[in-house]
């Protein structure tokens, strides 16, 4: 018999009273014993939004995630909550209006997670995103962006002199700089947002579990389904009974549909997006900047990350690419071509000569774009495909939602649950337009850098992490040297966010 010595740290932490309704064992017990109105397949931002929308309407909700929450596309975006200025150039005014409206709602419902972010578009004498020749047309587009909903953030665009524009990106070639446009969008940690939406769904009664693979969907009727599940932690199988199923599995949507339908659909066109992180000193931008891609009709974002508190930052990230992807969707790799594509764009805009050796990190994700019906569109670039979402219901009553953007996840979820209402013949109304997310309420302190860091990731839950640090001061130390993440956050991830492996914490 094994007799491990007592762990003093574990004993001290057990004395910290921190309430938790986001427990994997509790969720598994409910999944094995309760009947649900809706089972959501997929724990990314869309599935999280569906679970919250349905639970807040009073439906009995379960959510199953095969891996860790937000482990797919929802942790690999550009981290922007934005309207998409380029969609105006494509003529998709409705999408921009929709996204800007949702941006405002997110700023209001999750003020601890979503922060206003200034953007600059440099106007160069030549070879810029915007040349002097088309600067006037851009000015009209900027006014359209404001009118469409950009003003909802509380600020409108303005023109910058060359000197003021240069101060925001002093590594630009000053002799080519004519002026700039300043406008405002917002940013958020996509994975934190996803987890917060999931915890809000749990607050509203949803049973949520990660590491649960859906193996089959057996439909007795349009309102009676049995979902076959494997807990990949314990390698045990079980079934969940539900009246409705929502497939919100992103780039895996066709695979999940195949579990329900007699054929394997082909509706998703994965588009790979790659971002690079660099030392901030190589770029030195104090706001987000839009730069051109040479010989391409695209642009990239250059975004400063992790402020030092003195106007400087620790990193800058640059992205994203937008290319067809044909490989395994579980682990899209960043290639040498991807890196060179991004660096070529950056080096065309700055004078510091950034090389592959300067790259400190990469992330690569897949957008679950919906294939278009016409042949010419199918053959075109993924960059030109619509970012609108689609909701459709199978003959057996399974609802699938796919496409869309991080910013519009709430509206996607609303449309999906409206489709569930039609299947179940219920009339519960959406409540998420004004529903505050978990951690948004309560008093918070930003007196220190650690306070500000915790507040921007956890909101009022930061007090729980501070309790852990008070019980064991060593947990207030950096988890990784040079980064603001604290040891206590790893503990909290295990106790309150269903982290079951090192990858889940990371």
Protein backbone atom coordinates (compact mmCIF):
# COMPACT_ATOMS: atom_id res chain seq x y z
CA UNK A 1 0.00 0.00 0.00
CA UNK A 2 1.34 3.42 -0.99
CA UNK A 3 1.72 6.02 1.75
CA UNK A 4 2.59 9.39 0.23
CA UNK A 5 3.83 12.06 2.63
CA UNK A 6 1.37 14.91 3.25
CA UNK A 7 1.63 17.84 0.87
CA UNK A 8 1.70 21.11 2.85
CA UNK A 9 0.82 23.17 -0.22
CA UNK A 10 -2.20 21.00 -1.00
CA UNK A 11 -3.37 21.30 2.61
CA UNK A 12 -3.09 25.09 2.58
CA UNK A 13 -4.98 25.39 -0.70
CA UNK A 14 -7.78 23.13 0.54
CA UNK A 15 -8.52 25.73 3.20
CA UNK A 16 -9.26 28.36 0.55
CA UNK A 17 -13.07 28.45 0.07
CA UNK A 18 -13.64 29.09 -3.65
CA UNK A 19 -17.06 28.16 -5.05
CA UNK A 20 -17.10 26.24 -8.33
CA UNK A 21 -19.98 25.15 -10.57
CA UNK A 22 -17.67 24.23 -13.46
CA UNK A 23 -16.69 20.74 -12.34
CA UNK A 24 -15.95 17.92 -14.76
CA UNK A 25 -16.95 15.09 -12.36
CA UNK A 26 -20.25 16.83 -11.61
CA UNK A 27 -20.91 17.36 -15.32
CA UNK A 28 -20.15 13.71 -16.12
CA UNK A 29 -22.53 12.58 -13.39
CA UNK A 30 -25.27 14.72 -14.90
CA UNK A 31 -24.53 13.51 -18.43
CA UNK A 32 -24.98 9.93 -17.25
CA UNK A 33 -28.22 10.53 -15.37
CA UNK A 34 -30.20 13.43 -16.85
CA UNK A 35 -32.30 13.91 -19.96
CA UNK A 36 -31.49 17.10 -21.90
CA UNK A 37 -33.32 19.40 -24.26
CA UNK A 38 -30.17 20.23 -26.23
CA UNK A 39 -26.76 18.57 -26.59
CA UNK A 40 -24.15 20.85 -28.15
CA UNK A 41 -21.23 19.18 -29.92
CA UNK A 42 -18.15 21.40 -29.86
CA UNK A 43 -16.55 23.55 -27.16
CA UNK A 44 -15.20 26.40 -29.24
CA UNK A 45 -16.67 29.90 -29.19
CA UNK A 46 -19.68 28.95 -31.33
CA UNK A 47 -20.60 25.92 -29.24
CA UNK A 48 -20.05 27.93 -26.06
CA UNK A 49 -22.37 30.61 -27.39
CA UNK A 50 -25.04 28.05 -28.28
CA UNK A 51 -24.84 26.48 -24.82
CA UNK A 52 -25.21 29.87 -23.14
CA UNK A 53 -28.05 31.01 -25.39
CA UNK A 54 -30.01 27.80 -24.91
CA UNK A 55 -29.39 27.57 -21.16
CA UNK A 56 -30.33 31.21 -20.61
CA UNK A 57 -33.64 30.52 -22.39
CA UNK A 58 -34.41 27.85 -19.79
CA UNK A 59 -33.53 24.78 -21.84
CA UNK A 60 -31.70 21.84 -20.25
CA UNK A 61 -28.31 21.93 -21.96
CA UNK A 62 -25.27 19.68 -22.22
CA UNK A 63 -22.06 20.48 -24.10
CA UNK A 64 -19.44 17.94 -25.20
CA UNK A 65 -15.94 18.88 -26.32
CA UNK A 66 -13.63 16.20 -27.76
CA UNK A 67 -10.37 17.89 -26.69
CA UNK A 68 -9.92 20.97 -24.54
CA UNK A 69 -12.17 24.00 -24.76
CA UNK A 70 -11.13 26.43 -27.52
CA UNK A 71 -8.37 24.05 -28.62
CA UNK A 72 -9.23 24.52 -32.30
CA UNK A 73 -9.93 27.73 -34.21
CA UNK A 74 -11.14 29.57 -31.11
CA UNK A 75 -7.63 29.91 -29.65
CA UNK A 76 -5.89 30.69 -32.92
CA UNK A 77 -7.61 33.80 -34.24
CA UNK A 78 -6.17 37.31 -34.55
CA UNK A 79 -7.65 38.08 -31.09
CA UNK A 80 -9.68 40.95 -32.57
CA UNK A 81 -13.28 41.96 -31.92
CA UNK A 82 -13.86 44.00 -35.03
CA UNK A 83 -16.27 44.92 -37.77
CA UNK A 84 -13.93 44.04 -40.60
CA UNK A 85 -13.15 47.18 -42.54
CA UNK A 86 -12.10 45.10 -45.55
CA UNK A 87 -15.60 43.63 -45.83
CA UNK A 88 -16.82 47.10 -46.76
CA UNK A 89 -14.39 46.97 -49.68
CA UNK A 90 -16.02 43.67 -50.68
CA UNK A 91 -19.44 45.30 -50.51
CA UNK A 92 -20.70 43.23 -47.56
CA UNK A 93 -22.23 46.12 -45.62
CA UNK A 94 -24.61 43.82 -43.73
CA UNK A 95 -21.76 41.73 -42.29
CA UNK A 96 -19.93 44.87 -41.14
CA UNK A 97 -23.10 46.26 -39.54
CA UNK A 98 -23.74 42.93 -37.82
CA UNK A 99 -20.17 42.64 -36.54
CA UNK A 100 -20.01 46.23 -35.25
CA UNK A 101 -23.30 45.75 -33.41
CA UNK A 102 -21.97 42.56 -31.81
CA UNK A 103 -18.71 44.32 -30.95
CA UNK A 104 -20.67 46.88 -28.95
CA UNK A 105 -22.56 44.14 -27.12
CA UNK A 106 -19.34 42.34 -26.23
CA UNK A 107 -17.76 45.55 -24.93
CA UNK A 108 -20.80 46.00 -22.69
CA UNK A 109 -21.33 42.37 -21.62
CA UNK A 110 -17.64 41.51 -21.07
CA UNK A 111 -15.79 44.75 -20.20
CA UNK A 112 -13.15 42.75 -18.32
CA UNK A 113 -12.21 40.78 -21.45
CA UNK A 114 -12.74 43.20 -24.35
CA UNK A 115 -10.63 46.35 -24.64
CA UNK A 116 -10.74 49.13 -27.22
CA UNK A 117 -7.79 48.92 -29.63
CA UNK A 118 -6.68 51.79 -31.92
CA UNK A 119 -5.73 50.87 -35.49
CA UNK A 120 -3.69 52.88 -37.96
CA UNK A 121 -3.67 52.60 -41.74
CA UNK A 122 -0.52 54.32 -43.04
CA UNK A 123 -0.82 56.33 -46.24
CA UNK A 124 2.41 56.11 -48.18
CA UNK A 125 3.60 57.93 -51.26
CA UNK A 126 3.84 54.52 -52.94
CA UNK A 127 3.57 50.78 -52.22
CA UNK A 128 1.40 51.18 -49.15
CA UNK A 129 -1.93 49.69 -48.11
CA UNK A 130 -3.26 53.07 -49.16
CA UNK A 131 -1.49 55.43 -51.53
CA UNK A 132 -2.19 59.14 -51.69
CA UNK A 133 -4.16 58.49 -54.86
CA UNK A 134 -6.84 56.46 -53.11
CA UNK A 135 -6.65 58.11 -49.68
CA UNK A 136 -9.78 60.14 -50.42
CA UNK A 137 -11.74 56.99 -51.23
CA UNK A 138 -10.54 55.44 -47.98
CA UNK A 139 -11.74 58.50 -46.10
CA UNK A 140 -15.23 57.86 -47.47
CA UNK A 141 -14.96 54.21 -46.45
CA UNK A 142 -13.90 55.22 -42.94
CA UNK A 143 -16.97 57.43 -42.63
CA UNK A 144 -19.08 54.52 -43.85
CA UNK A 145 -17.47 52.31 -41.19
CA UNK A 146 -18.33 54.86 -38.51
CA UNK A 147 -21.90 55.27 -39.78
CA UNK A 148 -22.42 51.51 -40.11
CA UNK A 149 -21.66 51.13 -36.42
CA UNK A 150 -18.06 52.06 -35.70
CA UNK A 151 -19.29 54.99 -33.61
CA UNK A 152 -20.82 52.53 -31.13
CA UNK A 153 -17.39 52.10 -29.53
CA UNK A 154 -17.51 55.76 -28.49
CA UNK A 155 -14.92 57.08 -30.96
CA UNK A 156 -14.76 57.85 -34.66
CA UNK A 157 -11.87 57.80 -37.11
CA UNK A 158 -9.56 60.72 -37.77
CA UNK A 159 -6.74 61.65 -40.12
CA UNK A 160 -3.18 61.75 -38.76
CA UNK A 161 -0.31 63.89 -39.93
CA UNK A 162 2.81 62.10 -41.15
CA UNK A 163 4.65 62.96 -37.93
CA UNK A 164 1.88 61.60 -35.69
CA UNK A 165 1.52 58.48 -37.81
CA UNK A 166 5.27 57.88 -37.62
CA UNK A 167 5.20 57.99 -33.81
CA UNK A 168 2.86 54.99 -33.79
CA UNK A 169 5.24 52.93 -35.96
CA UNK A 170 8.71 54.53 -35.90
CA UNK A 171 10.24 51.66 -37.89
CA UNK A 172 8.38 52.71 -41.04
CA UNK A 173 10.34 54.40 -43.85
CA UNK A 174 9.61 58.02 -42.84
CA UNK A 175 10.40 59.42 -46.30
CA UNK A 176 7.54 57.38 -47.83
CA UNK A 177 4.96 58.26 -45.20
CA UNK A 178 2.34 60.81 -46.24
CA UNK A 179 -0.22 60.56 -43.41
CA UNK A 180 -2.44 57.96 -41.80
CA UNK A 181 -5.96 57.09 -40.72
CA UNK A 182 -6.71 56.22 -37.10
CA UNK A 183 -9.81 54.19 -36.28
CA UNK A 184 -10.96 52.01 -33.40
CA UNK A 185 -11.95 48.39 -32.93
CA UNK A 186 -11.36 46.04 -29.99
CA UNK A 187 -9.31 43.06 -28.88
CA UNK A 188 -9.82 40.05 -26.62
CA UNK A 189 -8.06 36.83 -25.69
CA UNK A 190 -10.15 34.41 -27.76
CA UNK A 191 -9.53 31.37 -25.54
CA UNK A 192 -10.38 33.32 -22.37
CA UNK A 193 -13.54 34.63 -24.01
CA UNK A 194 -14.58 31.09 -24.98
CA UNK A 195 -13.97 29.76 -21.48
CA UNK A 196 -15.84 32.67 -19.95
CA UNK A 197 -18.87 32.07 -22.18
CA UNK A 198 -18.78 28.39 -21.15
CA UNK A 199 -18.63 29.29 -17.47
CA UNK A 200 -21.56 31.66 -17.97
CA UNK A 201 -23.48 28.79 -19.56
CA UNK A 202 -22.65 26.67 -16.51
CA UNK A 203 -23.89 29.52 -14.30
CA UNK A 204 -27.18 29.16 -16.18
CA UNK A 205 -27.39 25.42 -15.57
CA UNK A 206 -25.57 23.81 -18.51
CA UNK A 207 -23.66 20.54 -17.98
CA UNK A 208 -20.31 21.00 -19.72
CA UNK A 209 -17.47 18.51 -20.14
CA UNK A 210 -14.26 18.41 -22.12
CA UNK A 211 -12.36 15.30 -23.27
CA UNK A 212 -15.65 13.72 -24.35
CA UNK A 213 -15.66 12.40 -27.92
CA UNK A 214 -18.97 12.00 -29.73
CA UNK A 215 -18.95 8.61 -31.48
CA UNK A 216 -22.47 8.54 -32.85
CA UNK A 217 -25.86 10.22 -33.02
CA UNK A 218 -28.84 7.86 -33.11
CA UNK A 219 -32.12 9.58 -33.95
CA UNK A 220 -35.40 7.87 -33.12
CA UNK A 221 -37.27 10.95 -34.35
CA UNK A 222 -36.63 14.65 -34.95
CA UNK A 223 -37.08 15.26 -31.21
CA UNK A 224 -35.50 12.13 -29.73
CA UNK A 225 -31.77 11.47 -30.00
CA UNK A 226 -29.18 9.33 -28.26
CA UNK A 227 -25.62 10.65 -28.39
CA UNK A 228 -22.91 8.01 -27.94
CA UNK A 229 -19.90 9.40 -26.09
CA UNK A 230 -16.45 8.26 -24.93
CA UNK A 231 -14.74 9.92 -21.98
CA UNK A 232 -11.17 9.93 -23.32
CA UNK A 233 -9.71 10.46 -19.85
CA UNK A 234 -11.16 7.29 -18.31
CA UNK A 235 -11.78 5.51 -21.64
CA UNK A 236 -15.36 4.76 -20.58
CA UNK A 237 -18.37 5.04 -22.88
CA UNK A 238 -21.86 6.28 -22.11
CA UNK A 239 -24.94 7.69 -23.82
CA UNK A 240 -26.75 10.99 -23.44
CA UNK A 241 -30.46 11.36 -24.17
CA UNK A 242 -31.64 14.62 -25.68
CA UNK A 243 -34.50 16.17 -27.59
CA UNK A 244 -32.21 18.19 -29.89
CA UNK A 245 -28.59 18.23 -31.06
CA UNK A 246 -26.58 21.24 -32.26
CA UNK A 247 -23.41 20.57 -34.25
CA UNK A 248 -21.05 23.48 -33.55
CA UNK A 249 -17.79 21.67 -34.23
CA UNK A 250 -16.20 24.15 -36.65
CA UNK A 251 -13.90 22.57 -39.24
CA UNK A 252 -15.09 19.14 -38.05
CA UNK A 253 -18.75 19.98 -38.82
CA UNK A 254 -18.95 17.65 -41.83
CA UNK A 255 -17.51 14.77 -39.77
CA UNK A 256 -20.13 15.26 -37.06
CA UNK A 257 -22.89 15.53 -39.66
CA UNK A 258 -21.74 12.18 -41.05
CA UNK A 259 -22.55 10.61 -37.66
CA UNK A 260 -26.17 11.63 -38.18
CA UNK A 261 -26.66 11.54 -41.95
CA UNK A 262 -26.34 8.65 -44.40
CA UNK A 263 -23.55 10.35 -46.38
CA UNK A 264 -20.49 12.44 -45.58
CA UNK A 265 -21.27 16.08 -46.49
CA UNK A 266 -18.73 18.36 -48.14
CA UNK A 267 -19.68 21.88 -47.06
CA UNK A 268 -16.59 23.15 -45.21
CA UNK A 269 -13.62 24.76 -46.94
CA UNK A 270 -10.87 25.10 -44.31
CA UNK A 271 -8.73 28.22 -44.68
CA UNK A 272 -5.44 28.33 -42.82
CA UNK A 273 -4.45 31.43 -40.89
CA UNK A 274 -0.91 31.81 -39.56
CA UNK A 275 0.41 34.41 -37.10
CA UNK A 276 3.99 35.12 -36.05
CA UNK A 277 5.19 36.63 -32.78
CA UNK A 278 8.29 38.81 -32.69
CA UNK A 279 10.21 40.83 -30.11
CA UNK A 280 8.48 44.20 -29.87
CA UNK A 281 11.77 46.04 -30.44
CA UNK A 282 11.84 44.78 -34.03
CA UNK A 283 8.64 46.72 -34.84
CA UNK A 284 7.96 49.18 -31.97
CA UNK A 285 4.31 49.88 -32.75
CA UNK A 286 2.24 51.21 -29.87
CA UNK A 287 -1.11 50.52 -31.59
CA UNK A 288 -2.33 48.02 -34.18
CA UNK A 289 -1.21 48.80 -37.73
CA UNK A 290 -2.53 47.56 -41.08
CA UNK A 291 0.21 46.69 -43.58
CA UNK A 292 0.03 45.49 -47.21
CA UNK A 293 1.04 42.12 -48.61
CA UNK A 294 3.26 42.71 -51.67
CA UNK A 295 1.80 41.40 -54.94
CA UNK A 296 -1.43 40.39 -53.19
CA UNK A 297 -4.80 42.04 -52.64
CA UNK A 298 -4.60 41.49 -48.90
CA UNK A 299 -3.34 43.18 -45.78
CA UNK A 300 -2.08 42.00 -42.39
CA UNK A 301 -2.48 43.25 -38.84
CA UNK A 302 0.56 44.13 -36.73
CA UNK A 303 -0.59 44.10 -33.10
CA UNK A 304 1.44 44.92 -29.95
CA UNK A 305 1.02 42.41 -27.13
CA UNK A 306 1.61 42.32 -23.35
CA UNK A 307 2.21 45.94 -22.28
CA UNK A 308 5.07 46.72 -19.92
CA UNK A 309 3.26 49.70 -18.43
CA UNK A 310 5.64 52.32 -19.83
CA UNK A 311 4.35 52.54 -23.41
CA UNK A 312 6.43 49.58 -24.59
CA UNK A 313 5.38 45.97 -25.11
CA UNK A 314 6.96 42.54 -24.84
CA UNK A 315 5.88 41.21 -28.22
CA UNK A 316 4.25 42.07 -31.51
CA UNK A 317 2.25 39.56 -33.49
CA UNK A 318 1.66 39.73 -37.24
CA UNK A 319 -1.03 37.99 -39.28
CA UNK A 320 -2.93 36.46 -40.68
CA UNK A 321 -2.51 34.40 -43.81
CA UNK A 322 -5.59 33.12 -45.64
CA UNK A 323 -4.94 30.06 -47.79
CA UNK A 324 -6.66 26.81 -48.75
CA UNK A 325 -5.80 23.91 -46.50
CA UNK A 326 -5.97 20.25 -47.56
CA UNK A 327 -4.10 18.51 -44.72
CA UNK A 328 -5.21 16.96 -41.42
CA UNK A 329 -7.47 19.44 -39.63
CA UNK A 330 -6.44 18.30 -36.15
CA UNK A 331 -3.01 19.92 -36.36
CA UNK A 332 -2.49 22.46 -39.15
CA UNK A 333 1.19 23.21 -39.44
CA UNK A 334 2.90 26.52 -40.11
CA UNK A 335 5.20 26.09 -43.13
CA UNK A 336 8.30 27.94 -44.22
CA UNK A 337 6.23 29.51 -47.03
CA UNK A 338 3.74 30.82 -44.46
CA UNK A 339 6.51 32.45 -42.44
CA UNK A 340 8.18 33.98 -45.49
CA UNK A 341 4.81 35.35 -46.69
CA UNK A 342 4.28 37.21 -43.41
CA UNK A 343 7.87 38.41 -43.12
CA UNK A 344 7.87 39.70 -46.71
CA UNK A 345 4.85 41.85 -45.90
CA UNK A 346 6.38 43.11 -42.67
CA UNK A 347 9.77 43.91 -44.20
CA UNK A 348 8.06 45.88 -46.95
CA UNK A 349 6.65 48.16 -44.25
CA UNK A 350 9.46 48.43 -41.67
CA UNK A 351 13.19 49.06 -41.96
CA UNK A 352 14.52 46.75 -39.24
CA UNK A 353 15.11 43.72 -41.46
CA UNK A 354 13.14 41.05 -39.57
CA UNK A 355 14.35 37.50 -40.25
CA UNK A 356 13.19 33.98 -39.46
CA UNK A 357 15.64 33.95 -36.55
CA UNK A 358 13.67 36.79 -34.94
CA UNK A 359 10.44 34.78 -34.83
CA UNK A 360 9.71 33.77 -31.23
CA UNK A 361 6.50 31.85 -31.86
CA UNK A 362 3.79 30.92 -34.34
CA UNK A 363 0.21 29.80 -34.21
CA UNK A 364 -1.79 28.26 -37.01
CA UNK A 365 -5.55 27.76 -37.12
CA UNK A 366 -8.29 26.90 -39.59
CA UNK A 367 -11.33 29.00 -40.44
CA UNK A 368 -14.43 26.84 -41.03
CA UNK A 369 -15.55 28.71 -44.15
CA UNK A 370 -18.71 27.55 -45.87
CA UNK A 371 -18.31 26.56 -49.50
CA UNK A 372 -20.21 28.72 -51.95
CA UNK A 373 -22.69 27.25 -54.41
CA UNK A 374 -21.33 28.62 -57.67
CA UNK A 375 -18.33 26.95 -59.32
CA UNK A 376 -16.41 30.19 -59.90
CA UNK A 377 -16.53 31.04 -56.21
CA UNK A 378 -15.32 27.56 -55.27
CA UNK A 379 -12.26 28.07 -57.44
CA UNK A 380 -11.49 31.51 -55.98
CA UNK A 381 -9.35 32.51 -53.01
CA UNK A 382 -10.43 31.71 -49.48
CA UNK A 383 -9.78 35.38 -48.70
CA UNK A 384 -12.72 36.23 -50.96
CA UNK A 385 -15.19 33.79 -49.37
CA UNK A 386 -17.93 35.28 -47.23
CA UNK A 387 -17.49 35.28 -43.44
CA UNK A 388 -21.23 35.02 -42.94
CA UNK A 389 -22.50 32.01 -41.01
CA UNK A 390 -25.00 29.36 -41.99
CA UNK A 391 -27.51 27.36 -39.96
CA UNK A 392 -29.22 24.30 -41.43
CA UNK A 393 -31.25 21.40 -40.04
CA UNK A 394 -30.97 17.79 -41.20
CA UNK A 395 -33.92 15.53 -41.94
CA UNK A 396 -33.44 13.98 -38.51
CA UNK A 397 -33.60 17.37 -36.78
CA UNK A 398 -29.90 17.87 -36.01
CA UNK A 399 -28.98 21.57 -36.30
CA UNK A 400 -25.57 22.57 -37.69
CA UNK A 401 -24.07 26.06 -37.41
CA UNK A 402 -20.83 26.97 -39.13
CA UNK A 403 -18.91 29.81 -40.75
CA UNK A 404 -18.96 33.24 -39.14
CA UNK A 405 -16.42 35.20 -37.11
CA UNK A 406 -15.27 35.38 -33.50
CA UNK A 407 -16.99 38.75 -33.17
CA UNK A 408 -20.39 37.45 -34.30
CA UNK A 409 -20.47 34.25 -32.24
CA UNK A 410 -23.44 35.45 -30.13
CA UNK A 411 -25.66 36.09 -33.13
CA UNK A 412 -24.61 32.77 -34.66
CA UNK A 413 -25.65 31.06 -31.44
CA UNK A 414 -28.97 32.91 -31.37
CA UNK A 415 -29.77 31.76 -34.91
CA UNK A 416 -28.83 28.16 -34.05
CA UNK A 417 -31.04 28.07 -30.95
CA UNK A 418 -33.87 29.69 -32.91
CA UNK A 419 -33.56 26.69 -35.24
CA UNK A 420 -33.76 24.39 -32.20
CA UNK A 421 -36.94 26.21 -31.18
CA UNK A 422 -38.44 25.33 -34.55
CA UNK A 423 -37.51 21.66 -34.17
CA UNK A 424 -38.87 21.44 -30.61
CA UNK A 425 -41.80 23.79 -31.27
CA UNK A 426 -40.82 26.01 -28.34
CA UNK A 427 -40.90 29.80 -28.16
CA UNK A 428 -38.29 30.79 -25.56
CA UNK A 429 -36.69 34.11 -26.52
CA UNK A 430 -32.99 34.94 -26.70
CA UNK A 431 -31.60 36.70 -23.60
CA UNK A 432 -27.92 37.05 -24.47
CA UNK A 433 -28.00 40.50 -26.07
CA UNK A 434 -27.69 42.13 -22.65
CA UNK A 435 -26.48 39.19 -20.55
CA UNK A 436 -23.25 39.95 -18.68
CA UNK A 437 -20.60 37.26 -18.94
CA UNK A 438 -19.06 35.50 -15.96
CA UNK A 439 -16.69 37.79 -14.08
CA UNK A 440 -18.05 41.03 -15.52
CA UNK A 441 -19.68 42.23 -12.33
CA UNK A 442 -18.20 43.20 -8.98
CA UNK A 443 -15.46 45.56 -7.85
CA UNK A 444 -11.97 44.95 -9.17
CA UNK A 445 -8.56 46.38 -8.36
CA UNK A 446 -5.91 47.42 -10.88
CA UNK A 447 -3.43 48.89 -8.42
CA UNK A 448 -0.55 46.65 -9.55
CA UNK A 449 0.56 45.08 -12.82
CA UNK A 450 -0.56 41.67 -11.52
CA UNK A 451 -3.96 43.12 -10.59
CA UNK A 452 -4.42 44.53 -14.09
CA UNK A 453 -3.31 41.25 -15.66
CA UNK A 454 -5.68 39.13 -13.57
CA UNK A 455 -8.56 41.55 -14.07
CA UNK A 456 -8.21 41.44 -17.86
CA UNK A 457 -8.34 37.62 -17.83
CA UNK A 458 -10.74 36.78 -15.01
CA UNK A 459 -12.69 39.88 -14.04
CA UNK A 460 -14.19 39.50 -10.58
CA UNK A 461 -12.82 35.94 -10.40
CA UNK A 462 -9.39 37.51 -9.92
CA UNK A 463 -10.21 37.65 -6.21
CA UNK A 464 -10.26 33.83 -6.10
CA UNK A 465 -6.75 33.68 -7.57
CA UNK A 466 -5.59 36.26 -5.05
CA UNK A 467 -6.94 34.01 -2.30
CA UNK A 468 -4.72 31.22 -3.59
CA UNK A 469 -1.72 33.55 -3.55
CA UNK A 470 -2.57 34.72 -0.03
CA UNK A 471 -2.60 31.09 1.12
CA UNK A 472 0.69 30.33 -0.64
CA UNK A 473 2.71 33.44 -1.67
CA UNK A 474 4.94 31.46 -4.06
CA UNK A 475 1.92 31.10 -6.34
CA UNK A 476 2.20 34.82 -7.06
CA UNK A 477 5.44 34.23 -8.95
CA UNK A 478 5.63 34.10 -12.75
CA UNK A 479 4.76 30.75 -14.27
CA UNK A 480 7.18 31.43 -17.13
CA UNK A 481 9.99 33.93 -16.68
CA UNK A 482 9.34 37.14 -18.59
CA UNK A 483 5.60 36.56 -19.01
CA UNK A 484 2.84 37.91 -16.74
CA UNK A 485 1.10 34.57 -16.12
CA UNK A 486 1.18 33.50 -12.47
CA UNK A 487 1.57 30.08 -10.90
CA UNK A 488 -1.79 30.50 -9.21
CA UNK A 489 -3.43 30.65 -12.64
CA UNK A 490 -2.29 27.09 -13.36
CA UNK A 491 -3.86 25.95 -10.07
CA UNK A 492 -7.07 27.79 -10.92
CA UNK A 493 -7.14 26.22 -14.40
CA UNK A 494 -7.15 22.77 -12.79
CA UNK A 495 -9.63 23.53 -10.00
CA UNK A 496 -12.06 25.80 -11.87
CA UNK A 497 -11.54 25.47 -15.63
CA UNK A 498 -11.39 21.69 -16.21
CA UNK A 499 -7.73 21.52 -17.15
CA UNK A 500 -6.86 17.82 -17.07
CA UNK A 501 -3.44 17.94 -18.77
CA UNK A 502 -0.48 20.25 -19.21
CA UNK A 503 -1.72 21.15 -22.69
CA UNK A 504 -5.02 22.29 -21.18
CA UNK A 505 -3.20 24.71 -18.88
CA UNK A 506 -1.06 26.06 -21.71
